[in-house]
Protein backbone atom coordinates (compact mmCIF):
# COMPACT_ATOMS: atom_id res chain seq x y z
CA MET A 1 -15.80 -10.37 -23.88
CA ALA A 2 -19.03 -9.59 -22.02
CA ASP A 3 -20.17 -13.18 -22.59
CA TYR A 4 -16.84 -14.57 -21.39
CA PHE A 5 -17.15 -12.78 -18.05
CA GLY A 6 -20.87 -13.49 -17.80
CA LEU A 7 -21.81 -9.80 -17.82
CA SER A 8 -25.03 -10.43 -19.67
CA TYR A 9 -27.32 -7.69 -18.32
CA PRO A 10 -27.72 -4.53 -20.43
CA HIS A 11 -25.02 -1.96 -19.61
CA GLU A 12 -23.32 -4.35 -17.16
CA PHE A 13 -20.13 -4.73 -19.19
CA THR A 14 -20.01 -0.99 -19.87
CA SER A 15 -20.56 -0.25 -16.19
CA ALA A 16 -17.82 -2.67 -15.11
CA ALA A 17 -15.36 -1.25 -17.68
CA SER A 18 -16.16 2.34 -16.65
CA LEU A 19 -15.65 1.56 -12.96
CA LEU A 20 -12.38 -0.21 -13.75
CA ILE A 21 -11.14 2.92 -15.53
CA ALA A 22 -12.29 5.02 -12.56
CA LEU A 23 -10.43 2.63 -10.25
CA ILE A 24 -7.20 3.06 -12.23
CA LEU A 25 -7.54 6.86 -12.23
CA LEU A 26 -8.28 6.84 -8.50
CA ARG A 27 -5.11 4.87 -7.79
CA VAL A 28 -2.98 7.20 -9.92
CA ILE A 29 -4.35 10.26 -8.12
CA THR A 30 -3.99 8.55 -4.75
CA ILE A 31 -0.32 7.78 -5.42
CA MET A 32 0.33 11.47 -6.05
CA HIS A 33 -1.94 13.17 -3.49
CA TYR A 34 -2.71 10.80 -0.62
CA ARG A 35 -0.74 11.63 2.53
CA PHE A 36 2.30 9.52 3.36
CA GLY A 37 1.87 7.45 6.52
CA SER A 38 4.63 7.23 9.12
CA ASP A 39 5.42 3.63 8.13
CA GLU A 40 6.28 4.54 4.53
CA PRO A 41 9.42 6.61 5.25
CA GLN A 42 10.32 4.14 8.02
CA HIS A 43 10.45 1.26 5.52
CA LEU A 44 12.26 3.43 3.00
CA HIS A 45 14.84 4.47 5.62
CA VAL A 46 15.68 0.80 6.18
CA VAL A 47 15.95 0.29 2.41
CA TRP A 48 18.28 3.31 2.27
CA GLY A 49 20.34 1.73 5.05
CA TRP A 50 20.76 -1.56 3.19
CA ALA A 51 21.75 0.40 0.06
CA ARG A 52 24.41 2.29 2.07
CA GLY A 53 25.92 -0.84 3.62
CA PHE A 54 24.11 -0.74 6.95
CA VAL A 55 22.51 -3.88 8.32
CA GLN A 56 18.92 -4.01 9.52
CA TYR A 57 18.56 -4.63 13.29
CA ARG A 58 22.30 -4.08 13.94
CA ASP A 59 22.66 -0.55 12.56
CA LEU A 60 19.01 0.37 11.99
CA ALA A 61 16.21 -0.51 14.37
CA ASP A 62 13.15 -2.04 12.72
CA ASN A 63 10.44 -4.33 14.05
CA HIS A 64 9.55 -6.00 10.73
CA MET A 65 10.88 -9.04 8.93
CA PRO A 66 13.51 -8.01 6.32
CA LEU A 67 12.41 -9.55 2.99
CA PHE A 68 10.41 -6.56 1.75
CA GLN A 69 13.21 -4.07 2.43
CA ILE A 70 15.89 -6.30 0.91
CA LEU A 71 13.88 -6.78 -2.29
CA CYS A 72 13.45 -3.00 -2.62
CA VAL A 73 17.18 -2.20 -2.41
CA PRO A 74 18.01 -2.65 -6.15
CA ILE A 75 15.04 -0.46 -7.09
CA TYR A 76 16.16 2.20 -4.61
CA LYS A 77 19.66 2.23 -6.08
CA LEU A 78 18.22 2.89 -9.53
CA ILE A 79 16.19 5.86 -8.25
CA GLY A 80 18.75 7.37 -5.87
CA ASP A 81 18.40 9.99 -3.14
CA ARG A 82 15.70 12.35 -4.31
CA ALA A 83 12.88 14.17 -2.55
CA THR A 84 10.24 12.50 -4.73
CA ILE A 85 11.39 8.97 -4.01
CA LEU A 86 8.29 7.98 -2.03
CA TYR A 87 6.15 8.63 -5.11
CA TRP A 88 8.44 6.35 -7.09
CA MET A 89 8.36 3.60 -4.49
CA ARG A 90 4.57 3.72 -4.31
CA SER A 91 4.44 3.36 -8.10
CA VAL A 92 6.84 0.42 -8.02
CA LEU A 93 4.42 -1.52 -5.79
CA GLN A 94 1.45 -1.18 -8.14
CA PRO A 95 2.17 -4.46 -10.00
CA LEU A 96 1.55 -6.15 -6.64
CA TYR A 97 -1.91 -4.59 -6.60
CA ILE A 98 -2.51 -6.10 -10.05
CA VAL A 99 -1.59 -9.48 -8.54
CA ALA A 100 -4.09 -8.93 -5.71
CA PHE A 101 -6.74 -7.81 -8.23
CA TRP A 102 -6.21 -10.93 -10.34
CA CYS A 103 -6.25 -13.22 -7.29
CA THR A 104 -9.53 -11.70 -6.13
CA TYR A 105 -11.00 -12.29 -9.58
CA ARG A 106 -9.63 -15.83 -9.68
CA ILE A 107 -10.95 -16.77 -6.23
CA GLY A 108 -14.36 -15.32 -7.11
CA SER A 109 -14.38 -17.34 -10.34
CA LEU A 110 -13.50 -20.57 -8.54
CA LEU A 111 -16.12 -20.09 -5.84
CA PHE A 112 -18.96 -18.70 -7.94
CA SER A 113 -18.44 -17.42 -11.49
CA ARG A 114 -16.29 -15.09 -13.58
CA ARG A 115 -18.96 -12.44 -13.17
CA VAL A 116 -18.63 -12.59 -9.38
CA GLY A 117 -14.84 -12.47 -9.73
CA VAL A 118 -14.98 -9.32 -11.88
CA TRP A 119 -17.33 -7.45 -9.58
CA ALA A 120 -15.55 -8.58 -6.39
CA ALA A 121 -12.18 -7.34 -7.72
CA ILE A 122 -13.64 -3.99 -8.79
CA LEU A 123 -15.70 -3.40 -5.64
CA VAL A 124 -12.91 -4.25 -3.20
CA GLY A 125 -10.60 -1.97 -5.19
CA LEU A 126 -13.03 0.93 -4.74
CA SER A 127 -13.68 0.37 -1.02
CA THR A 128 -12.31 3.29 0.98
CA ASP A 129 -10.07 1.51 3.49
CA TYR A 130 -8.62 -0.86 0.92
CA VAL A 131 -7.91 1.64 -1.86
CA PHE A 132 -6.00 4.09 0.34
CA CYS A 133 -4.11 1.52 2.39
CA SER A 134 -3.16 -0.68 -0.58
CA VAL A 135 -1.52 2.22 -2.40
CA GLU A 136 1.07 2.89 0.31
CA PHE A 137 4.70 1.83 0.33
CA ARG A 138 4.53 -0.72 3.14
CA THR A 139 5.36 -4.35 3.82
CA ASP A 140 1.68 -5.31 3.97
CA ASN A 141 1.27 -4.58 0.26
CA LEU A 142 3.66 -7.42 -0.53
CA TRP A 143 2.35 -9.60 2.29
CA ALA A 144 -1.34 -9.51 1.26
CA PRO A 145 -0.82 -10.36 -2.46
CA LEU A 146 1.42 -13.29 -1.50
CA TRP A 147 -1.31 -14.55 0.82
CA LEU A 148 -3.93 -14.22 -1.93
CA LEU A 149 -1.65 -16.13 -4.31
CA CYS A 150 -1.37 -18.88 -1.71
CA MET A 151 -5.16 -19.04 -1.40
CA SER A 152 -5.53 -19.15 -5.20
CA VAL A 153 -3.12 -22.08 -5.41
CA LEU A 154 -4.93 -24.01 -2.66
CA LEU A 155 -8.33 -23.43 -4.26
CA ASN A 156 -7.34 -24.26 -7.83
CA ARG A 157 -8.25 -27.91 -8.46
CA ALA A 158 -7.50 -30.87 -6.19
CA LEU A 159 -4.96 -30.77 -3.37
CA THR A 160 -1.73 -32.39 -4.57
CA MET A 161 1.80 -32.57 -3.20
CA ARG A 162 3.03 -30.10 -5.83
CA ARG A 163 0.24 -27.65 -5.04
CA ALA A 164 0.97 -27.91 -1.31
CA LEU A 165 4.67 -27.23 -1.93
CA ILE A 166 3.89 -24.09 -3.95
CA ALA A 167 1.36 -22.83 -1.41
CA GLY A 168 3.77 -23.49 1.44
CA PHE A 169 6.58 -21.60 -0.29
CA LEU A 170 4.25 -18.62 -0.79
CA ILE A 171 3.37 -18.70 2.90
CA GLY A 172 7.10 -18.85 3.65
CA LEU A 173 7.54 -15.67 1.62
CA CYS A 174 4.74 -14.14 3.70
CA PHE A 175 6.72 -15.06 6.83
CA GLY A 176 9.75 -13.34 5.31
CA VAL A 177 7.69 -10.15 5.09
CA SER A 178 5.68 -10.25 8.33
CA MET A 179 5.34 -12.45 11.39
CA LYS A 180 1.61 -11.71 11.27
CA THR A 181 1.59 -14.63 8.83
CA LEU A 182 1.23 -16.89 11.87
CA LEU A 183 -2.43 -15.85 12.06
CA LEU A 184 -2.87 -16.59 8.35
CA VAL A 185 -1.47 -20.10 8.79
CA MET A 186 -3.79 -20.73 11.72
CA SER A 187 -6.70 -19.50 9.61
CA ILE A 188 -5.81 -21.88 6.77
CA LEU A 189 -5.54 -24.85 9.13
CA ILE A 190 -8.85 -24.05 10.85
CA GLY A 191 -10.55 -23.45 7.50
CA GLY A 192 -9.31 -26.75 6.12
CA PHE A 193 -10.21 -28.69 9.26
CA VAL A 194 -13.78 -27.34 9.46
CA THR A 195 -14.29 -27.89 5.73
CA LEU A 196 -13.06 -31.47 5.99
CA ILE A 197 -15.59 -32.13 8.76
CA PHE A 198 -18.55 -30.55 6.97
CA VAL A 199 -17.88 -31.83 3.43
CA GLY A 200 -16.26 -35.16 4.32
CA ARG A 201 -13.24 -37.03 2.95
CA GLU A 202 -15.36 -39.56 1.11
CA ARG A 203 -17.28 -36.90 -0.74
CA LEU A 204 -14.06 -35.14 -1.72
CA GLY A 205 -12.31 -38.39 -2.64
CA ILE A 206 -9.14 -37.85 -0.59
CA GLY A 207 -7.51 -40.13 1.97
CA TRP A 208 -5.60 -39.48 5.18
CA GLY A 209 -2.31 -40.29 3.47
CA GLN A 210 -2.89 -37.57 0.88
CA ILE A 211 -3.90 -35.06 3.55
CA LEU A 212 -0.91 -35.77 5.82
CA GLY A 213 1.49 -35.75 2.87
CA ALA A 214 0.16 -32.39 1.69
CA LEU A 215 0.47 -30.95 5.20
CA ALA A 216 4.06 -32.16 5.50
CA ALA A 217 4.94 -30.69 2.10
CA PHE A 218 3.21 -27.41 2.99
CA PHE A 219 5.10 -26.90 6.25
CA ALA A 220 8.44 -28.11 4.87
CA SER A 221 8.18 -25.64 2.01
CA ALA A 222 6.95 -22.86 4.31
CA LEU A 223 10.11 -23.15 6.43
CA ILE A 224 12.54 -22.51 3.57
CA VAL A 225 12.39 -18.70 3.45
CA PRO A 226 12.18 -17.88 7.19
CA ALA A 227 14.84 -20.50 8.01
CA THR A 228 17.16 -19.00 5.39
CA ILE A 229 16.64 -15.49 6.80
CA VAL A 230 17.25 -16.63 10.39
CA ALA A 231 20.35 -18.61 9.37
CA ALA A 232 21.79 -15.66 7.44
CA PHE A 233 21.45 -13.23 10.35
CA ALA A 234 22.76 -15.82 12.81
CA LEU A 235 25.75 -16.54 10.55
CA TYR A 236 26.71 -12.85 10.57
CA GLY A 237 26.32 -12.61 14.35
CA ILE A 238 23.15 -10.53 14.33
CA TRP A 239 20.80 -13.15 15.80
CA PRO A 240 20.35 -11.35 19.19
CA GLN A 241 19.34 -8.07 17.53
CA PHE A 242 17.16 -9.88 14.99
CA ARG A 243 15.40 -11.88 17.69
CA TYR A 244 14.78 -8.83 19.84
CA TRP A 245 13.31 -6.56 17.16
CA VAL A 246 11.26 -9.18 15.33
CA PHE A 247 10.01 -11.17 18.32
CA ASP A 248 10.73 -9.72 21.78
CA HIS A 249 10.11 -6.04 21.06
CA ASN A 250 6.63 -6.65 19.67
CA VAL A 251 5.48 -8.51 22.78
CA VAL A 252 5.06 -6.35 25.88
CA PRO A 253 3.77 -8.34 28.88
CA GLY A 254 0.30 -7.27 29.96
CA LEU A 255 -0.17 -4.92 27.01
CA ARG A 256 -3.42 -5.82 25.28
CA ASN A 257 -5.77 -4.04 22.94
CA HIS A 258 -8.93 -5.80 24.12
CA PRO A 259 -10.53 -6.70 27.45
CA ALA A 260 -11.08 -10.31 28.49
CA TRP A 261 -14.72 -10.34 27.40
CA TRP A 262 -13.56 -10.22 23.77
CA MET A 263 -12.81 -13.93 24.15
CA ILE A 264 -16.56 -14.47 24.53
CA ILE A 265 -17.17 -12.39 21.42
CA PHE A 266 -14.61 -14.50 19.55
CA ALA A 267 -16.30 -17.73 20.65
CA VAL A 268 -19.75 -16.49 19.61
CA GLY A 269 -18.45 -14.98 16.37
CA PHE A 270 -16.59 -18.08 15.28
CA LEU A 271 -19.57 -20.26 16.19
CA LEU A 272 -21.68 -18.19 13.80
CA VAL A 273 -18.97 -18.59 11.15
CA THR A 274 -19.02 -22.39 11.47
CA LEU A 275 -22.82 -22.45 11.34
CA GLY A 276 -22.70 -20.32 8.21
CA ALA A 277 -20.15 -22.67 6.64
CA ARG A 278 -22.36 -25.65 7.39
CA ARG A 279 -25.29 -23.89 5.73
CA ILE A 280 -23.14 -23.11 2.68
CA VAL A 281 -22.06 -26.75 2.34
CA ALA A 282 -25.65 -27.96 2.64
CA ALA A 283 -26.81 -25.51 -0.04
CA THR A 284 -24.05 -26.40 -2.53
CA PRO A 285 -24.59 -29.75 -4.30
CA GLU A 286 -21.14 -30.05 -5.93
CA ALA A 287 -18.56 -31.25 -3.38
CA ALA A 288 -15.54 -29.37 -4.79
CA VAL A 289 -17.40 -26.06 -4.96
CA ALA A 290 -18.86 -26.60 -1.48
CA ALA A 291 -15.37 -27.26 -0.11
CA ARG A 292 -13.94 -24.11 -1.72
CA ARG A 293 -16.74 -21.90 -0.44
CA SER A 294 -16.58 -23.35 3.04
CA PHE A 295 -12.78 -23.10 3.16
CA VAL A 296 -12.73 -19.42 2.15
CA PHE A 297 -15.66 -18.53 4.41
CA VAL A 298 -14.16 -20.19 7.51
CA THR A 299 -10.62 -18.99 6.79
CA ALA A 300 -11.74 -15.38 6.40
CA GLY A 301 -14.14 -15.67 9.34
CA PHE A 302 -11.54 -17.09 11.71
CA PHE A 303 -8.97 -14.51 10.62
CA ILE A 304 -11.19 -11.50 11.28
CA THR A 305 -12.65 -12.75 14.57
CA ALA A 306 -9.22 -13.72 15.93
CA LEU A 307 -7.68 -10.47 14.69
CA VAL A 308 -10.18 -8.14 16.38
CA SER A 309 -10.33 -10.29 19.52
CA PHE A 310 -6.68 -11.05 20.29
CA TRP A 311 -4.34 -8.82 18.27
CA PRO A 312 -2.52 -6.42 20.65
CA PHE A 313 -2.67 -3.35 18.40
CA LEU A 314 -4.96 -3.13 15.41
CA SER A 315 -4.07 -1.03 12.39
CA ARG A 316 -5.90 -0.66 9.10
CA GLN A 317 -3.22 -2.56 7.16
CA ASP A 318 -3.92 -5.66 9.25
CA TYR A 319 -7.20 -6.07 7.36
CA LEU A 320 -5.64 -6.13 3.88
CA PRO A 321 -5.70 -9.96 3.55
CA PHE A 322 -9.32 -10.05 4.71
CA TYR A 323 -10.98 -7.54 2.38
CA PRO A 324 -10.64 -9.45 -0.94
CA LEU A 325 -12.01 -12.70 0.54
CA ALA A 326 -14.84 -10.85 2.26
CA PHE A 327 -15.80 -9.08 -0.96
CA VAL A 328 -15.76 -12.36 -2.90
CA ILE A 329 -18.17 -13.95 -0.41
CA CYS A 330 -20.42 -10.89 -0.15
CA THR A 331 -20.46 -10.28 -3.92
CA GLY A 332 -21.36 -13.91 -4.60
CA ALA A 333 -24.21 -13.78 -2.10
CA PHE A 334 -25.39 -10.37 -3.31
CA LEU A 335 -25.47 -11.32 -7.00
CA THR A 336 -27.29 -14.57 -6.23
CA ILE A 337 -29.99 -12.69 -4.32
CA SER A 338 -30.20 -9.79 -6.78
CA ASP A 339 -30.55 -12.17 -9.74
CA ARG A 340 -33.59 -13.65 -8.04
CA TRP A 341 -34.98 -10.18 -7.44
CA ALA A 342 -34.39 -9.32 -11.09
CA GLN A 343 -37.07 -11.84 -12.05
CA HIS A 344 -39.60 -9.29 -10.83
CA ARG A 345 -40.60 -6.83 -13.53
CA ASN A 346 -40.01 -3.57 -11.61
CA ILE A 347 -36.56 -4.55 -10.35
CA ALA A 348 -35.61 -5.79 -13.81
CA LYS A 349 -36.26 -2.28 -15.16
CA ILE A 350 -33.76 -0.83 -12.68
CA TRP A 351 -31.20 -3.47 -13.66
CA ARG A 352 -31.46 -2.44 -17.30
CA VAL A 353 -30.54 1.15 -16.44
CA VAL A 354 -27.89 0.64 -13.73
CA PRO A 355 -26.78 -2.84 -12.59
CA MET A 356 -26.82 -3.09 -8.80
CA PRO A 357 -23.07 -3.87 -8.41
CA ALA A 358 -22.32 -0.78 -10.49
CA LEU A 359 -24.52 1.30 -8.20
CA ILE A 360 -22.56 0.04 -5.19
CA GLY A 361 -19.29 0.83 -6.97
CA ILE A 362 -20.45 4.38 -7.71
CA CYS A 363 -21.35 4.86 -4.05
CA GLU A 364 -17.91 3.56 -3.00
CA LEU A 365 -16.24 5.95 -5.42
CA LEU A 366 -18.20 8.91 -4.05
CA VAL A 367 -17.32 7.96 -0.47
CA ALA A 368 -13.62 7.69 -1.39
CA VAL A 369 -13.67 11.15 -2.96
CA LEU A 370 -15.52 12.67 0.00
CA VAL A 371 -13.23 11.10 2.60
CA HIS A 372 -10.04 12.08 0.76
CA PRO A 373 -10.72 14.82 -1.84
CA PHE A 374 -8.35 14.15 -4.72
CA TRP A 375 -7.75 17.86 -5.36
CA GLU A 376 -6.05 18.25 -1.97
CA ASP A 377 -2.35 17.40 -2.25
CA LYS A 378 -1.48 16.01 1.19
CA ALA A 379 1.58 14.08 0.00
CA LYS A 380 3.55 17.25 -0.70
CA LEU A 381 4.38 17.78 3.00
CA GLU A 382 6.59 14.69 3.23
CA CYS A 383 8.19 15.51 -0.12
CA ASP A 384 9.05 19.02 1.12
CA LEU A 385 10.48 17.52 4.32
CA LEU A 386 12.81 15.24 2.36
CA ARG A 387 13.87 18.10 0.09
CA ALA A 388 14.69 20.29 3.09
CA THR A 389 16.61 17.44 4.76
CA LEU A 390 18.79 16.97 1.69
CA LYS A 391 19.52 20.72 1.57
CA LEU A 392 20.28 21.15 5.28
CA THR A 393 22.44 18.07 5.90
CA GLU A 394 25.45 16.25 4.52
CA PRO A 395 25.54 12.44 4.04
CA GLY A 396 27.51 11.95 7.28
CA ASP A 397 25.23 14.06 9.47
CA PHE A 398 22.86 12.65 12.06
CA VAL A 399 19.21 13.63 12.45
CA PHE A 400 16.64 13.07 15.16
CA ASP A 401 13.23 11.80 14.10
CA ARG A 402 10.62 9.36 15.29
CA LYS A 403 10.81 6.43 12.87
CA GLY A 404 12.99 7.50 9.96
CA GLU A 405 10.90 10.28 8.42
CA THR A 406 13.99 11.99 7.03
CA VAL A 407 14.93 8.76 5.17
CA PHE A 408 18.36 9.74 3.83
CA ARG A 409 20.32 10.32 7.05
CA GLN A 410 21.38 8.23 10.06
CA ARG A 411 19.20 8.56 13.12
CA CYS A 412 21.02 9.59 16.29
CA PHE A 413 18.54 7.67 18.48
CA TYR A 414 18.65 3.96 17.62
CA PRO A 415 15.13 2.70 18.58
CA VAL A 416 12.12 3.63 16.47
CA ILE A 417 9.68 5.63 18.59
CA GLU A 418 6.39 3.78 18.23
CA THR A 419 3.77 2.23 20.52
CA PHE A 420 5.86 -0.64 21.87
CA THR A 421 8.94 1.55 22.35
CA GLU A 422 6.96 4.20 24.23
CA GLU A 423 5.43 1.56 26.49
CA ARG A 424 8.82 0.00 27.20
CA ILE A 425 10.32 3.40 28.02
CA ARG A 426 7.37 4.19 30.29
CA ARG A 427 7.89 0.92 32.18
CA GLY A 428 11.64 1.39 32.42
CA LEU A 429 12.34 -1.62 30.17
CA MET A 430 14.21 0.52 27.63
CA ALA A 431 16.59 3.41 28.23
CA ASP A 432 15.53 6.77 26.82
CA ASN A 433 18.90 8.31 25.95
CA ALA A 434 17.61 10.35 23.01
CA ILE A 435 18.68 13.67 24.56
CA GLN A 436 22.23 12.48 25.22
CA ARG A 437 22.48 10.97 21.75
CA CYS A 438 21.46 14.29 20.17
CA ILE A 439 24.28 15.98 22.08
CA ASP A 440 26.92 13.28 21.51
CA THR A 441 26.29 13.05 17.75
CA ARG A 442 26.02 16.86 17.30
CA THR A 443 22.61 16.43 15.74
CA CYS A 444 21.56 19.80 14.28
CA VAL A 445 18.38 18.77 12.45
CA ALA A 446 15.35 17.28 14.18
CA ILE A 447 11.72 16.45 13.56
CA LEU A 448 9.12 17.38 16.15
CA PRO A 449 6.56 14.57 15.81
CA ASP A 450 3.18 14.44 17.49
CA LYS A 451 4.10 11.53 19.76
CA MET A 452 7.33 11.05 21.69
CA PRO A 453 8.37 10.80 25.37
CA PRO A 454 7.59 14.09 27.18
CA ALA A 455 11.18 14.83 28.24
CA THR A 456 12.46 14.37 24.69
CA PHE A 457 9.62 16.48 23.32
CA ARG A 458 10.52 19.36 25.65
CA PHE A 459 14.22 19.07 24.78
CA VAL A 460 13.60 19.27 21.04
CA LYS A 461 11.19 22.16 21.44
CA GLN A 462 13.63 24.14 23.63
CA ASN A 463 16.84 23.52 21.66
CA TYR A 464 15.69 23.41 18.05
CA LEU A 465 14.04 26.23 16.11
CA PRO A 466 11.16 25.55 13.68
CA ILE A 467 11.91 26.30 10.03
CA GLY A 468 9.00 24.51 8.39
CA ASN A 469 6.44 21.79 8.81
CA ARG A 470 7.78 19.70 11.75
CA LEU A 471 11.39 20.40 10.71
CA ARG A 472 13.70 22.10 13.22
CA VAL A 473 17.36 23.12 13.36
CA ALA A 474 19.58 23.53 16.40
CA GLY A 475 19.27 26.99 17.94
CA VAL A 476 17.48 29.10 20.51
CA LEU A 477 15.41 32.24 20.38
CA LEU A 478 17.21 35.01 22.28
CA GLN A 479 15.05 37.49 24.13
CA SER A 480 15.80 41.21 23.91
CA SER A 481 18.36 42.32 26.46
CA THR A 482 17.42 45.02 28.94
CA GLY A 483 20.98 45.40 30.14
CA GLY A 484 22.32 46.99 27.02
CA LYS A 485 25.29 45.37 25.32
CA GLN A 486 25.38 41.75 26.50
CA PHE A 487 23.25 38.87 27.73
CA GLU A 488 23.82 35.23 28.53
CA PHE A 489 22.46 32.15 26.76
CA GLN A 490 23.24 28.43 26.74
CA ILE A 491 23.87 26.20 23.74
CA VAL A 492 23.33 22.48 24.32
CA ILE A 493 24.08 20.98 20.88
CA PRO A 494 27.81 21.44 20.05
CA ALA A 495 27.99 23.18 16.67
CA SER A 496 28.90 26.45 14.95
CA TYR A 497 26.17 29.07 15.36
CA LYS A 498 25.38 32.53 14.04
CA ILE A 499 23.42 35.23 15.81
CA ILE A 500 20.71 36.67 13.59
CA ALA A 501 18.83 39.83 14.56
CA ARG A 502 15.45 40.86 13.20
CA ASP A 503 15.68 43.46 10.42
CA VAL A 504 19.46 43.34 10.68
CA GLY A 505 20.56 39.88 9.57
CA THR A 506 23.70 38.19 10.81
CA VAL A 507 25.33 39.96 13.75
CA THR A 508 29.11 39.99 13.50
């Protein structure tokens, strides 16, 4: 097996196998102990809604494409309403990580060698940002593996009509998960165009007819999934809500994450990428290999430079499609250089003890443990919140939360409270009727999140009493009366209340 993967140095196969086992253990521990992000219960709340007969966008606000949530509904129904459901849903997504792992290995093998593929897959899996983000229950962990599958199809052998159809369908699935796929498509087109210029059609043995036919097949196939989704929502009369939450809501005029001078950085950065691709093509004698390396290098380079330069709001999950390609390129370059160094006697001695990729993997593992100590259970907080929600509420009750943290109950305030919503409320583009909705729906359970409009924050704090981590129930704290037998207080949320006195219990 060591010979098959090209792990020929002493201890290299053992080191790779040991790090792979460590990677598996790290993912298992991360599933159980890594904190749940705010997007995870938000996605699960939408899945719960579909399972209960609600319709995304019409009954439940959500600013993502619906394919991921729809695919998760049958799995949710098997698991049911339980406080530990987020652990289960994280575990369900792990086969998708195996797909991403295999694609990383496959791309590394096609560009360089099986050895590069093995080390690239292991090293990206141990990198801190990737390992913790890729374990979460989020749309991006379906989106990124589909993108890597598309890249694997495009890189595997010559470009044919059949291959273009398959790759296009995979990109269409990406569109069904996230509209961020638009940047991926642009990256593919730019990568292919630059590669075609640097390598040349004659050297690759393809004509314009083949190229145009493949492009037509790619785009025709890519339209199938998003067109079906759009048609389905339009057919059921939900097109206005779908259009608003998927397209309009995520674009706030004048709201940008970067100043204008980032355009200069993009121009300089992409120029360096193209110069690097030209150097790669010149240094690679075989045309097919040169084309693959150039295509991946330019595609990844354009994606990252455009992302950091133009994307309105950057989040760590936006980088998930980039990391595997970056690690393939860097691992290939690193192993090429280190193999040359290993020809020197002193460096060869170090290689025999600990191969250099293994040393990097060990360092990554140590960083991951230091950043998020595995013995600290930070996932328990969300689990306790869901357990308390199930105990305090009935299926027909409403709750107030920011994005669906309580998962199993209807939210009294329709919009999700996130960056775009807050900005729209601040500008007066969206009505903030959260307070009135809490009153109208007799909402007795609320979450006090870190971020929400100030007026709503004050209302929740004044009219809901804390009973645990972030969880509050309708009520007020009555101050001791100096007048003797009676005092006045005001109840805002219509409900049945009890007066409880310290050291006495319920006052009758």
